[in-house]
Amino acid sequence: MHQKAAKRVVVTGLGMATALGLEVMGNWEKALAGVSGVDRIDKTMLAGAASSPVAAVAAINEMSWGRIAEAFPEEAASLDERRTMFALWAAKEALSDARLINSDLRRERFGAVIAAGLGVNRLEDIARWHRDGKFNLSGFSKEYHHSSGDSIIRNNSHRAAAAIAARFSIFGPNATITTACASATQAIGTAFRMIQNGEADVIATGGADSMINPIGLVFFVLLQAACTGSENVTQLCRPFDRKRSGLVMGEGAGIVILEDYGHAKERGAKIYAEVAGYASSMDAYQVTAPIPDGSGAEAAMRSALIDSGLGTDSIDYINAHGTSTKLNDEAETAAIIRVFKERALDVAISSSKSMIGHLLAASGGPEFIFTVLSVVNDEIHPTINLTHPDPKCGLDYVPLVKRRKTVRAAISNSFGFGGQNASIIVKKISD
């Protein structure tokens, strides 16, 4: 029995929503210019913002939210959940970019693999059924529909994938990935494998998340992972900088269209780049910290390279996970050195989180898009706020200003709490 050759997989559509805006090219131009999307917490968004230990986030502003709600009025009225609305917007943009809105595509060969984070826990929902130190189970069972519209009580993690499928008539494979901060990259990698194996012709994939709420923010403070500074808020996220003090929360979505190369060529699709390889790994070390020597992240990058058939000498850029936390940035640096050895200093590296914040489960979506655009345009966005280089992070992080450089192939890294690691490789398309 002969094994079928793996199909080639290409990127044919891009869509995103971040604190930098709702259009892909607008995000890209601002990223190249080193514009920060981080700002002080809006009191209208977060009750009790004045007393929050976290002073700044990279949130999607009210005007952008209005545009999203206007584009999906029915869903806005019924869902009332930012995460899913971001996913719908980014999916619409990606499908439009790929010219697949209202297409005659075989919908049973069209799938959706979407990463989503945990639902929102509202303090008022917890308090509603908690009396005299006990939880009122009977009252909850009768009145749970009175919980907040965006509450985890009413929104399972698969809601974004289901809403995209329903809105855009996607009848093929459907899956949700929830693996902390590696989720979106693992979703894209899963979609890549499904098309390689012939399970679908086209898949909308990426991630969406929003945890800008009291419990979400305090959770990362308790883990000692969040930045609690309050001065010069646009400069708080400082990946690989000696003065970095923790992640800055972001929100939004990044969705891409992956497609079988032959299918894309047949319909005359615009092709951005080719997905060359993917791998994931597990630290199996500690829930709240990466293994210090970076061996888990190393395994993901090394295996992705093997999967792609490329050598380290073919990689010109790495879009780093780069969270601006003490432990992660050092571990990722160590992993890159272990993989690239003497060539590590020749690879350009930058962190998108320095501008758009940490989108948690969604982070790999916009970062994958920026990686694709670097391969397409031979430009690399900077890591902003990197003014005090950490000697423990002594690689080329493209500090402060963008760089023109030929990018034949690039890696996008995502490393999550619990030790989840994922790396995906994109290369220039060739016939």
Protein backbone atom coordinates (compact mmCIF):
# COMPACT_ATOMS: atom_id res chain seq x y z
CA MET A 1 0.00 0.00 0.00
CA HIS A 2 1.49 3.31 -1.12
CA GLN A 3 1.26 6.31 1.17
CA LYS A 4 -0.14 9.43 -0.46
CA ALA A 5 2.25 12.34 -0.84
CA ALA A 6 1.47 15.19 1.52
CA LYS A 7 -0.30 18.07 -0.14
CA ARG A 8 1.34 21.48 -0.22
CA VAL A 9 -0.40 24.09 1.94
CA VAL A 10 -0.48 27.81 1.19
CA VAL A 11 -1.85 30.96 2.79
CA THR A 12 -4.51 32.70 0.70
CA GLY A 13 -6.29 35.05 3.12
CA LEU A 14 -5.49 37.17 6.18
CA GLY A 15 -7.73 38.83 8.77
CA MET A 16 -7.13 40.33 12.18
CA ALA A 17 -8.34 42.59 14.96
CA THR A 18 -5.89 44.03 17.50
CA ALA A 19 -5.35 47.20 19.48
CA LEU A 20 -3.60 48.56 16.37
CA GLY A 21 -6.78 48.31 14.28
CA LEU A 22 -9.09 46.09 12.29
CA GLU A 23 -7.31 45.95 8.91
CA VAL A 24 -4.34 43.71 8.22
CA MET A 25 -2.34 46.30 6.29
CA GLY A 26 -3.11 48.97 8.86
CA ASN A 27 -1.77 46.66 11.58
CA TRP A 28 1.28 45.87 9.48
CA GLU A 29 2.13 49.49 8.73
CA LYS A 30 1.81 50.44 12.41
CA ALA A 31 3.90 47.44 13.45
CA LEU A 32 6.64 48.44 11.01
CA ALA A 33 6.50 51.97 12.40
CA GLY A 34 6.80 50.67 15.97
CA VAL A 35 3.43 52.02 17.12
CA SER A 36 2.26 50.74 20.50
CA GLY A 37 -1.34 49.68 21.02
CA VAL A 38 -0.92 49.69 24.80
CA ASP A 39 -2.89 52.31 26.75
CA ARG A 40 -4.35 52.86 30.19
CA ILE A 41 -7.35 50.70 31.05
CA ASP A 42 -10.56 52.38 29.99
CA LYS A 43 -12.83 52.75 33.02
CA THR A 44 -15.87 52.19 30.79
CA MET A 45 -14.45 48.78 29.84
CA LEU A 46 -13.45 47.59 33.29
CA ALA A 47 -15.35 48.35 36.46
CA GLY A 48 -12.94 49.08 39.25
CA ALA A 49 -10.16 50.01 36.83
CA ALA A 50 -8.90 52.71 39.17
CA SER A 51 -8.06 50.12 41.83
CA SER A 52 -6.71 47.48 39.45
CA PRO A 53 -3.05 46.49 40.04
CA VAL A 54 -2.76 46.36 36.24
CA ALA A 55 -2.78 49.88 34.80
CA ALA A 56 -2.47 49.25 31.07
CA VAL A 57 -3.67 46.84 28.39
CA ALA A 58 -3.71 46.62 24.60
CA ALA A 59 -7.47 46.71 24.10
CA ILE A 60 -9.60 47.11 21.00
CA ASN A 61 -11.13 50.55 21.32
CA GLU A 62 -14.77 51.53 21.41
CA MET A 63 -14.82 52.78 17.82
CA SER A 64 -13.44 49.48 16.51
CA TRP A 65 -15.88 47.54 18.67
CA GLY A 66 -18.69 49.57 17.14
CA ARG A 67 -17.55 48.62 13.63
CA ILE A 68 -17.47 44.94 14.57
CA ALA A 69 -20.94 45.09 16.14
CA GLU A 70 -22.28 46.91 13.07
CA ALA A 71 -20.88 44.20 10.78
CA PHE A 72 -22.54 41.44 12.84
CA PRO A 73 -25.67 42.99 14.39
CA GLU A 74 -27.49 39.71 15.06
CA GLU A 75 -24.47 38.11 16.70
CA ALA A 76 -23.74 41.28 18.68
CA ALA A 77 -27.25 41.19 20.10
CA SER A 78 -27.17 37.50 20.98
CA LEU A 79 -23.53 36.75 21.80
CA ASP A 80 -22.39 39.79 23.76
CA GLU A 81 -18.95 38.21 23.94
CA ARG A 82 -15.86 40.05 22.72
CA ARG A 83 -13.81 36.96 21.97
CA THR A 84 -16.33 35.48 19.53
CA MET A 85 -17.06 38.84 17.88
CA PHE A 86 -13.33 39.36 17.26
CA ALA A 87 -13.19 35.90 15.67
CA LEU A 88 -16.12 36.67 13.37
CA TRP A 89 -14.55 39.93 12.23
CA ALA A 90 -11.14 38.40 11.52
CA ALA A 91 -12.73 35.45 9.72
CA LYS A 92 -14.77 37.81 7.53
CA GLU A 93 -11.65 39.78 6.63
CA ALA A 94 -9.67 36.63 5.83
CA LEU A 95 -12.44 35.10 3.74
CA SER A 96 -12.93 38.35 1.83
CA ASP A 97 -9.19 38.60 1.24
CA ALA A 98 -9.19 35.05 -0.13
CA ARG A 99 -12.25 35.80 -2.29
CA LEU A 100 -14.24 33.04 -0.60
CA ILE A 101 -17.25 35.01 0.63
CA ASN A 102 -20.30 33.67 -1.23
CA SER A 103 -18.07 31.46 -3.37
CA ASP A 104 -19.20 28.18 -4.92
CA LEU A 105 -16.58 26.29 -2.94
CA ARG A 106 -17.59 22.78 -1.84
CA ARG A 107 -18.59 23.69 1.69
CA GLU A 108 -18.15 20.15 3.01
CA ARG A 109 -14.45 20.44 2.06
CA PHE A 110 -14.13 23.74 3.94
CA GLY A 111 -13.24 23.63 7.62
CA ALA A 112 -12.64 25.84 10.65
CA VAL A 113 -10.01 25.19 13.33
CA ILE A 114 -10.05 28.02 15.86
CA ALA A 115 -8.17 28.61 19.10
CA ALA A 116 -10.07 30.19 21.96
CA GLY A 117 -9.19 31.00 25.54
CA LEU A 118 -11.17 30.50 28.69
CA GLY A 119 -14.52 32.20 29.09
CA VAL A 120 -14.99 35.24 31.29
CA ASN A 121 -15.64 34.81 35.00
CA ARG A 122 -17.63 37.79 36.25
CA LEU A 123 -17.48 38.66 39.94
CA GLU A 124 -21.13 39.67 39.89
CA ASP A 125 -22.07 36.23 38.53
CA ILE A 126 -20.16 34.52 41.32
CA ALA A 127 -21.76 36.78 43.93
CA ARG A 128 -25.29 36.34 42.54
CA TRP A 129 -25.67 32.76 43.76
CA HIS A 130 -23.34 32.86 46.74
CA ARG A 131 -25.04 33.36 50.09
CA ASP A 132 -23.76 32.91 53.64
CA GLY A 133 -20.58 31.22 52.50
CA LYS A 134 -22.43 28.67 50.37
CA PHE A 135 -23.23 28.35 46.68
CA ASN A 136 -26.97 28.29 45.96
CA LEU A 137 -27.04 25.41 43.49
CA SER A 138 -30.85 25.37 43.25
CA GLY A 139 -31.01 29.09 42.50
CA PHE A 140 -28.25 28.80 39.94
CA SER A 141 -29.96 25.94 38.08
CA LYS A 142 -33.13 28.03 37.72
CA GLU A 143 -31.56 31.42 36.99
CA TYR A 144 -28.23 30.81 35.23
CA HIS A 145 -29.59 32.51 32.10
CA HIS A 146 -29.45 35.77 34.07
CA SER A 147 -25.65 35.60 34.15
CA SER A 148 -23.64 38.12 32.15
CA GLY A 149 -23.83 37.70 28.38
CA ASP A 150 -20.10 37.08 28.06
CA SER A 151 -19.85 34.75 31.06
CA ILE A 152 -18.22 31.34 30.82
CA ILE A 153 -21.56 30.04 32.10
CA ARG A 154 -23.10 30.88 28.72
CA ASN A 155 -20.08 30.64 26.42
CA ASN A 156 -18.13 27.45 25.86
CA SER A 157 -14.68 27.60 24.25
CA HIS A 158 -16.01 26.17 20.97
CA ARG A 159 -18.40 29.08 20.44
CA ALA A 160 -16.07 31.03 18.14
CA ALA A 161 -15.50 28.06 15.82
CA ALA A 162 -19.22 27.28 15.78
CA ALA A 163 -20.20 30.92 15.12
CA ILE A 164 -17.76 31.19 12.20
CA ALA A 165 -19.08 27.96 10.69
CA ALA A 166 -22.70 29.09 11.04
CA ARG A 167 -22.14 32.60 9.72
CA PHE A 168 -20.09 31.59 6.67
CA SER A 169 -21.60 28.17 5.83
CA ILE A 170 -18.49 26.15 6.65
CA PHE A 171 -19.68 22.55 6.78
CA GLY A 172 -16.39 20.63 6.88
CA PRO A 173 -14.09 19.74 9.79
CA ASN A 174 -14.56 21.93 12.84
CA ALA A 175 -12.34 21.99 15.91
CA THR A 176 -11.40 24.20 18.85
CA ILE A 177 -7.92 24.29 20.38
CA THR A 178 -7.42 25.53 23.94
CA THR A 179 -3.82 25.06 25.02
CA ALA A 180 -3.02 28.34 26.77
CA CYS A 181 -0.74 30.74 24.88
CA ALA A 182 0.24 28.12 22.28
CA SER A 183 -3.39 27.66 21.18
CA ALA A 184 -3.53 29.65 17.94
CA THR A 185 -0.26 28.29 16.59
CA GLN A 186 -1.39 24.78 17.42
CA ALA A 187 -4.71 25.51 15.67
CA ILE A 188 -2.90 26.68 12.53
CA GLY A 189 -0.61 23.66 12.72
CA THR A 190 -3.59 21.32 13.08
CA ALA A 191 -5.26 22.91 10.05
CA PHE A 192 -1.98 22.56 8.12
CA ARG A 193 -1.88 18.84 8.88
CA MET A 194 -5.52 18.33 7.92
CA ILE A 195 -5.00 19.87 4.48
CA GLN A 196 -1.71 18.01 4.02
CA ASN A 197 -3.57 14.76 4.68
CA GLY A 198 -6.42 15.56 2.31
CA GLU A 199 -9.13 16.00 4.95
CA ALA A 200 -10.11 19.43 3.62
CA ASP A 201 -9.29 21.77 0.74
CA VAL A 202 -9.59 25.03 2.68
CA ILE A 203 -9.56 25.83 6.41
CA ALA A 204 -10.14 29.09 8.26
CA THR A 205 -7.81 28.95 11.24
CA GLY A 206 -6.19 31.06 13.94
CA GLY A 207 -7.42 32.29 17.28
CA ALA A 208 -9.43 34.81 19.28
CA ASP A 209 -9.30 35.78 22.93
CA SER A 210 -10.10 38.45 25.49
CA MET A 211 -9.36 38.29 29.21
CA ILE A 212 -9.45 41.99 30.01
CA ASN A 213 -11.68 41.59 33.04
CA PRO A 214 -10.98 41.73 36.79
CA ILE A 215 -10.45 38.01 37.31
CA GLY A 216 -8.48 37.60 34.10
CA LEU A 217 -6.09 40.39 35.03
CA VAL A 218 -5.69 39.39 38.68
CA PHE A 219 -5.00 35.80 37.62
CA PHE A 220 -1.78 36.88 35.90
CA VAL A 221 -0.87 39.20 38.77
CA LEU A 222 -1.11 36.25 41.18
CA LEU A 223 1.10 34.24 38.85
CA GLN A 224 3.61 37.11 39.02
CA ALA A 225 3.53 37.26 35.22
CA ALA A 226 1.72 40.58 34.63
CA CYS A 227 3.33 44.00 34.47
CA THR A 228 1.88 46.27 37.15
CA GLY A 229 3.73 49.47 36.23
CA SER A 230 1.73 52.65 35.68
CA GLU A 231 4.19 55.16 34.20
CA ASN A 232 4.81 55.55 30.46
CA VAL A 233 2.30 52.84 29.67
CA THR A 234 3.24 52.48 25.98
CA GLN A 235 6.72 51.44 27.18
CA LEU A 236 5.62 48.79 29.68
CA CYS A 237 5.93 45.82 27.35
CA ARG A 238 9.68 45.36 26.88
CA PRO A 239 10.55 41.88 25.55
CA PHE A 240 14.20 40.90 25.98
CA ASP A 241 14.94 44.15 27.81
CA ARG A 242 16.82 44.09 31.11
CA LYS A 243 14.05 46.21 32.70
CA ARG A 244 11.14 44.05 31.56
CA SER A 245 8.70 43.34 34.37
CA GLY A 246 5.92 41.19 32.95
CA LEU A 247 3.42 40.72 30.18
CA VAL A 248 0.88 43.33 29.11
CA MET A 249 -2.54 41.88 28.31
CA GLY A 250 -3.97 42.33 24.82
CA GLU A 251 -7.11 41.12 23.08
CA GLY A 252 -8.26 40.41 19.57
CA ALA A 253 -8.02 37.79 16.84
CA GLY A 254 -5.96 36.62 13.92
CA ILE A 255 -7.53 34.30 11.34
CA VAL A 256 -5.92 33.01 8.15
CA ILE A 257 -7.09 30.92 5.23
CA LEU A 258 -4.96 27.86 4.57
CA GLU A 259 -5.55 26.09 1.29
CA ASP A 260 -4.37 23.13 -0.72
CA TYR A 261 -1.88 24.53 -3.26
CA GLY A 262 -3.49 22.77 -6.23
CA HIS A 263 -6.93 23.98 -5.18
CA ALA A 264 -5.68 27.54 -4.82
CA LYS A 265 -3.96 27.50 -8.22
CA GLU A 266 -7.04 26.08 -9.91
CA ARG A 267 -9.28 28.88 -8.68
CA GLY A 268 -6.68 31.57 -9.36
CA ALA A 269 -6.25 32.54 -5.70
CA LYS A 270 -3.72 35.09 -4.51
CA ILE A 271 -1.04 33.14 -2.64
CA TYR A 272 0.92 34.88 0.10
CA ALA A 273 3.33 32.15 1.17
CA GLU A 274 3.66 28.43 1.81
CA VAL A 275 3.41 26.74 5.19
CA ALA A 276 6.49 24.55 5.24
CA GLY A 277 6.52 22.78 8.61
CA TYR A 278 4.99 22.55 12.05
CA ALA A 279 5.65 20.85 15.37
CA SER A 280 4.59 21.02 19.00
CA SER A 281 6.15 19.77 22.21
CA MET A 282 5.61 19.69 25.95
CA ASP A 283 7.99 20.84 28.68
CA ALA A 284 6.37 18.57 31.28
CA TYR A 285 8.15 20.75 33.80
CA GLN A 286 5.99 23.30 35.64
CA VAL A 287 2.57 24.85 35.08
CA THR A 288 3.66 28.46 35.53
CA ALA A 289 7.22 28.51 34.18
CA PRO A 290 9.09 27.24 31.11
CA ILE A 291 11.92 24.79 31.57
CA PRO A 292 14.88 27.15 32.08
CA ASP A 293 17.21 25.63 29.51
CA GLY A 294 14.60 26.08 26.76
CA SER A 295 14.73 22.41 25.76
CA GLY A 296 10.96 22.19 25.23
CA ALA A 297 10.92 25.18 22.89
CA GLU A 298 14.04 23.81 21.24
CA ALA A 299 12.24 20.53 20.52
CA ALA A 300 9.34 22.35 18.83
CA MET A 301 11.60 24.45 16.59
CA ARG A 302 13.92 21.56 15.75
CA SER A 303 11.03 19.25 14.87
CA ALA A 304 9.34 21.93 12.76
CA LEU A 305 12.58 22.33 10.80
CA ILE A 306 12.77 18.58 10.24
CA ASP A 307 9.13 18.57 9.14
CA SER A 308 9.81 21.38 6.66
CA GLY A 309 12.92 19.82 5.17
CA LEU A 310 14.73 23.12 5.72
CA GLY A 311 18.02 23.63 7.48
CA THR A 312 18.76 26.34 10.01
CA ASP A 313 20.64 28.20 7.27
CA SER A 314 17.31 28.78 5.46
CA ILE A 315 15.66 30.67 8.34
CA ASP A 316 16.11 34.44 8.19
CA TYR A 317 13.55 35.56 10.81
CA ILE A 318 11.86 34.35 13.98
CA ASN A 319 8.68 35.95 15.29
CA ALA A 320 9.37 35.24 18.94
CA HIS A 321 6.86 34.39 21.63
CA GLY A 322 8.64 37.24 23.45
CA THR A 323 6.31 37.89 26.37
CA SER A 324 8.40 40.45 28.30
CA THR A 325 8.57 38.13 31.31
CA LYS A 326 11.89 37.33 32.97
CA LEU A 327 11.66 33.56 32.59
CA ASN A 328 10.14 33.22 29.12
CA ASP A 329 12.49 35.58 27.28
CA GLU A 330 15.58 33.89 28.71
CA ALA A 331 14.27 30.39 27.97
CA GLU A 332 13.33 31.29 24.39
CA THR A 333 16.74 32.84 23.82
CA ALA A 334 18.40 29.68 25.15
CA ALA A 335 16.23 27.55 22.84
CA ILE A 336 17.15 29.59 19.76
CA ILE A 337 20.85 29.31 20.59
CA ARG A 338 20.52 25.54 21.07
CA VAL A 339 18.83 25.15 17.66
CA PHE A 340 20.83 27.63 15.57
CA LYS A 341 24.19 27.36 17.39
CA GLU A 342 26.82 29.60 15.78
CA ARG A 343 24.23 30.99 13.36
CA ALA A 344 21.93 32.27 16.13
CA LEU A 345 23.32 35.80 15.87
CA ASP A 346 22.56 35.90 12.13
CA VAL A 347 18.80 35.38 12.56
CA ALA A 348 16.62 38.46 12.99
CA ILE A 349 14.13 38.10 15.86
CA SER A 350 11.29 40.34 16.98
CA SER A 351 8.30 40.31 19.33
CA SER A 352 4.89 41.48 18.11
CA LYS A 353 3.71 41.53 21.73
CA SER A 354 5.80 44.65 22.34
CA MET A 355 3.10 46.49 20.35
CA ILE A 356 -0.14 44.50 20.48
CA GLY A 357 0.25 42.97 23.94
CA HIS A 358 -0.22 39.32 24.81
CA LEU A 359 -3.39 37.97 23.20
CA LEU A 360 -3.10 34.73 25.22
CA ALA A 361 -4.80 31.90 23.30
CA ALA A 362 -5.05 34.14 20.22
CA SER A 363 -1.47 35.40 20.23
CA GLY A 364 -0.21 33.05 17.53
CA GLY A 365 -2.84 34.32 15.06
CA PRO A 366 -1.68 37.92 14.51
CA GLU A 367 1.93 36.83 15.00
CA PHE A 368 1.60 34.24 12.22
CA ILE A 369 0.16 36.96 9.97
CA PHE A 370 3.08 39.28 10.72
CA THR A 371 5.44 36.37 9.98
CA VAL A 372 3.75 35.77 6.62
CA LEU A 373 3.99 39.46 5.75
CA SER A 374 7.69 39.49 6.60
CA VAL A 375 8.22 36.62 4.16
CA VAL A 376 6.15 38.37 1.48
CA ASN A 377 7.59 41.86 1.88
CA ASP A 378 11.15 41.22 3.10
CA GLU A 379 10.55 43.56 6.02
CA ILE A 380 10.72 42.85 9.75
CA HIS A 381 8.88 44.85 12.37
CA PRO A 382 10.89 45.95 15.41
CA THR A 383 10.78 44.94 19.03
CA ILE A 384 9.92 48.29 20.57
CA ASN A 385 11.03 49.49 24.03
CA LEU A 386 14.20 47.42 23.85
CA THR A 387 16.52 50.13 25.18
CA HIS A 388 18.38 48.21 27.91
CA PRO A 389 19.54 44.95 26.30
CA ASP A 390 19.60 42.03 28.69
CA PRO A 391 22.97 40.26 28.47
CA LYS A 392 21.11 36.99 29.12
CA CYS A 393 19.14 37.65 25.93
CA GLY A 394 22.03 38.46 23.63
CA LEU A 395 20.58 37.88 20.18
CA ASP A 396 19.45 40.21 17.36
CA TYR A 397 15.95 41.32 18.40
CA VAL A 398 15.59 44.09 15.76
CA PRO A 399 15.37 46.79 18.44
CA LEU A 400 13.28 49.94 18.02
CA VAL A 401 13.21 50.30 14.21
CA LYS A 402 12.10 48.06 11.35
CA ARG A 403 14.57 46.32 9.09
CA ARG A 404 14.70 45.51 5.39
CA LYS A 405 16.01 41.99 4.94
CA THR A 406 15.38 39.13 2.55
CA VAL A 407 13.22 36.61 4.41
CA ARG A 408 13.28 33.30 2.57
CA ALA A 409 11.69 31.43 5.46
CA ALA A 410 10.62 32.30 9.00
CA ILE A 411 9.48 30.64 12.21
CA SER A 412 6.59 31.80 14.39
CA ASN A 413 6.88 30.59 18.01
CA SER A 414 4.20 30.25 20.69
CA PHE A 415 4.96 28.87 24.14
CA GLY A 416 2.18 28.58 26.70
CA PHE A 417 1.55 28.10 30.41
CA GLY A 418 1.71 24.46 31.34
CA GLY A 419 4.68 23.93 29.03
CA GLN A 420 2.85 23.86 25.70
CA ASN A 421 5.17 24.74 22.78
CA ALA A 422 4.44 25.22 19.09
CA SER A 423 6.50 26.39 16.13
CA ILE A 424 5.35 26.87 12.56
CA ILE A 425 7.45 27.69 9.50
CA VAL A 426 6.47 29.83 6.52
CA LYS A 427 8.50 30.19 3.32
CA LYS A 428 8.32 32.06 0.04
CA ILE A 429 6.09 30.37 -2.51
CA SER A 430 7.75 28.67 -5.46
CA ASP A 431 6.20 26.74 -8.35
